[in-house]
């Protein structure tokens, strides 16, 4: 169980560190901000896609472990199932979060920043603590 938990924590903290490094690089002007600021159509399309993706990803990630297929996999394979489905849940939240961080700086648009913050806050609800890992396997 500890190995599975450490892998899940590594993915979670790895995604947060990548986001923080991206923020630092843009804020220190190592990478120029607002490169796509004048592209209104692509900004609008990106905003719509990311808003819809966020609206789909959050409930999907939070309710993933309530599905019958996932529960069965967790009962039968325990740690292997937890690793597979836990990684999927983290990637469902962390992937769009990282894209939102990047788009925030490329378009210089706060809407992407808000979406990234919302996705980052959702990580608190899926944090792979030892208690949560044990509860998800046993339920």
Protein backbone atom coordinates (compact mmCIF):
# COMPACT_ATOMS: atom_id res chain seq x y z
CA UNK A 1 0.00 0.00 0.00
CA UNK A 2 2.84 2.41 0.80
CA UNK A 3 4.37 1.99 -2.66
CA UNK A 4 1.08 2.71 -4.40
CA UNK A 5 0.48 5.73 -2.18
CA UNK A 6 3.98 7.06 -2.88
CA UNK A 7 3.46 6.74 -6.64
CA UNK A 8 0.16 8.62 -6.42
CA UNK A 9 1.73 11.30 -4.21
CA UNK A 10 4.63 11.57 -6.66
CA UNK A 11 2.27 12.20 -9.55
CA UNK A 12 0.29 14.76 -7.56
CA UNK A 13 3.31 16.66 -6.31
CA UNK A 14 5.05 16.30 -9.67
CA UNK A 15 2.15 18.02 -11.43
CA UNK A 16 2.09 20.79 -8.81
CA UNK A 17 5.85 21.30 -9.14
CA UNK A 18 5.57 21.45 -12.94
CA UNK A 19 2.83 24.08 -12.55
CA UNK A 20 4.95 26.09 -10.12
CA UNK A 21 8.03 25.91 -12.36
CA UNK A 22 5.92 27.08 -15.30
CA UNK A 23 4.62 29.99 -13.22
CA UNK A 24 8.12 30.96 -12.10
CA UNK A 25 9.49 30.81 -15.66
CA UNK A 26 6.74 33.07 -16.97
CA UNK A 27 6.81 35.47 -14.00
CA UNK A 28 10.61 35.88 -14.23
CA UNK A 29 10.29 36.60 -17.97
CA UNK A 30 12.37 33.59 -18.94
CA UNK A 31 9.46 32.80 -21.25
CA UNK A 32 7.58 35.76 -22.70
CA UNK A 33 4.01 36.22 -21.47
CA UNK A 34 1.06 37.00 -23.73
CA UNK A 35 2.47 35.60 -26.96
CA UNK A 36 -1.03 34.73 -28.16
CA UNK A 37 -2.82 37.73 -26.62
CA UNK A 38 -4.00 39.13 -29.96
CA UNK A 39 -5.52 35.91 -31.28
CA UNK A 40 -9.13 36.46 -30.25
CA UNK A 41 -10.65 33.52 -32.08
CA UNK A 42 -8.18 30.96 -30.78
CA UNK A 43 -8.48 32.41 -27.26
CA UNK A 44 -12.25 32.11 -27.39
CA UNK A 45 -12.09 28.55 -28.70
CA UNK A 46 -9.50 27.60 -26.09
CA UNK A 47 -11.58 29.16 -23.32
CA UNK A 48 -14.73 27.30 -24.38
CA UNK A 49 -12.88 23.99 -24.66
CA UNK A 50 -11.16 24.39 -21.30
CA UNK A 51 -14.37 25.47 -19.56
CA UNK A 52 -16.24 22.45 -20.92
CA UNK A 53 -13.32 20.16 -20.11
CA UNK A 54 -13.20 21.49 -16.55
CA UNK A 55 -16.95 21.02 -16.16
CA UNK A 56 -16.59 17.40 -17.27
CA UNK A 57 -13.34 16.52 -15.52
CA UNK A 58 -14.20 17.62 -11.99
CA UNK A 59 -17.35 15.50 -11.51
CA UNK A 60 -15.75 12.62 -13.40
CA UNK A 61 -12.69 12.60 -11.14
CA UNK A 62 -14.68 13.02 -7.93
CA UNK A 63 -17.22 10.31 -8.76
CA UNK A 64 -14.87 7.88 -10.50
CA UNK A 65 -14.48 5.56 -7.53
CA UNK A 66 -18.25 5.16 -7.18
CA UNK A 67 -18.66 3.37 -10.51
CA UNK A 68 -19.26 -0.36 -10.42
CA UNK A 69 -16.36 -1.21 -12.73
CA UNK A 70 -13.93 0.73 -10.57
CA UNK A 71 -15.28 -0.71 -7.31
CA UNK A 72 -14.98 -4.22 -8.71
CA UNK A 73 -11.43 -3.57 -9.84
CA UNK A 74 -10.51 -2.20 -6.42
CA UNK A 75 -12.00 -5.23 -4.66
CA UNK A 76 -10.34 -7.77 -6.94
CA UNK A 77 -6.94 -6.20 -7.55
CA UNK A 78 -6.61 -3.93 -4.49
CA UNK A 79 -3.30 -2.06 -4.89
CA UNK A 80 -2.97 -2.57 -8.63
CA UNK A 81 -6.52 -1.30 -9.14
CA UNK A 82 -5.93 1.63 -6.81
CA UNK A 83 -2.79 2.57 -8.70
CA UNK A 84 -4.52 2.36 -12.09
CA UNK A 85 -7.67 4.24 -11.14
CA UNK A 86 -5.91 6.65 -8.79
CA UNK A 87 -3.49 7.64 -11.54
CA UNK A 88 -6.37 8.12 -13.95
CA UNK A 89 -8.19 10.33 -11.43
CA UNK A 90 -5.10 12.45 -10.82
CA UNK A 91 -4.39 12.81 -14.53
CA UNK A 92 -8.00 13.82 -15.18
CA UNK A 93 -7.50 16.77 -12.81
CA UNK A 94 -3.80 17.58 -13.27
CA UNK A 95 -3.73 17.48 -17.07
CA UNK A 96 -6.26 20.26 -17.63
CA UNK A 97 -4.80 22.19 -14.68
CA UNK A 98 -1.38 22.28 -16.36
CA UNK A 99 -2.92 23.27 -19.69
CA UNK A 100 -4.82 26.10 -17.97
CA UNK A 101 -1.62 27.38 -16.36
CA UNK A 102 0.09 27.44 -19.74
CA UNK A 103 -2.87 29.09 -21.49
CA UNK A 104 -3.13 31.69 -18.72
CA UNK A 105 0.32 32.95 -19.56
CA UNK A 106 0.12 32.51 -23.32
CA UNK A 107 -3.13 34.46 -23.66
CA UNK A 108 -2.72 36.67 -20.57
CA UNK A 109 -6.35 35.89 -19.74
CA UNK A 110 -7.52 35.47 -16.16
CA UNK A 111 -10.27 33.01 -17.10
CA UNK A 112 -7.65 30.30 -17.61
CA UNK A 113 -6.10 31.20 -14.27
CA UNK A 114 -9.43 30.76 -12.51
CA UNK A 115 -9.98 27.39 -14.17
CA UNK A 116 -6.50 26.27 -13.11
CA UNK A 117 -7.14 27.36 -9.53
CA UNK A 118 -10.46 25.50 -9.44
CA UNK A 119 -8.80 22.33 -10.72
CA UNK A 120 -5.95 22.71 -8.21
CA UNK A 121 -8.44 23.08 -5.36
CA UNK A 122 -10.14 19.86 -6.44
CA UNK A 123 -6.87 18.02 -5.77
CA UNK A 124 -7.57 18.41 -2.04
CA UNK A 125 -10.59 16.15 -2.48
CA UNK A 126 -8.56 13.34 -4.05
CA UNK A 127 -5.33 13.68 -2.05
CA UNK A 128 -3.99 10.12 -1.63
CA UNK A 129 -3.65 9.95 2.14
CA UNK A 130 -3.17 6.53 3.72
CA UNK A 131 -6.67 6.63 5.20
CA UNK A 132 -8.27 7.48 1.87
CA UNK A 133 -6.30 4.76 0.07
CA UNK A 134 -7.37 2.15 2.62
CA UNK A 135 -10.99 3.32 2.53
CA UNK A 136 -11.13 3.19 -1.25
CA UNK A 137 -9.81 -0.38 -1.33
CA UNK A 138 -12.16 -1.59 1.41
CA UNK A 139 -15.37 0.01 0.10
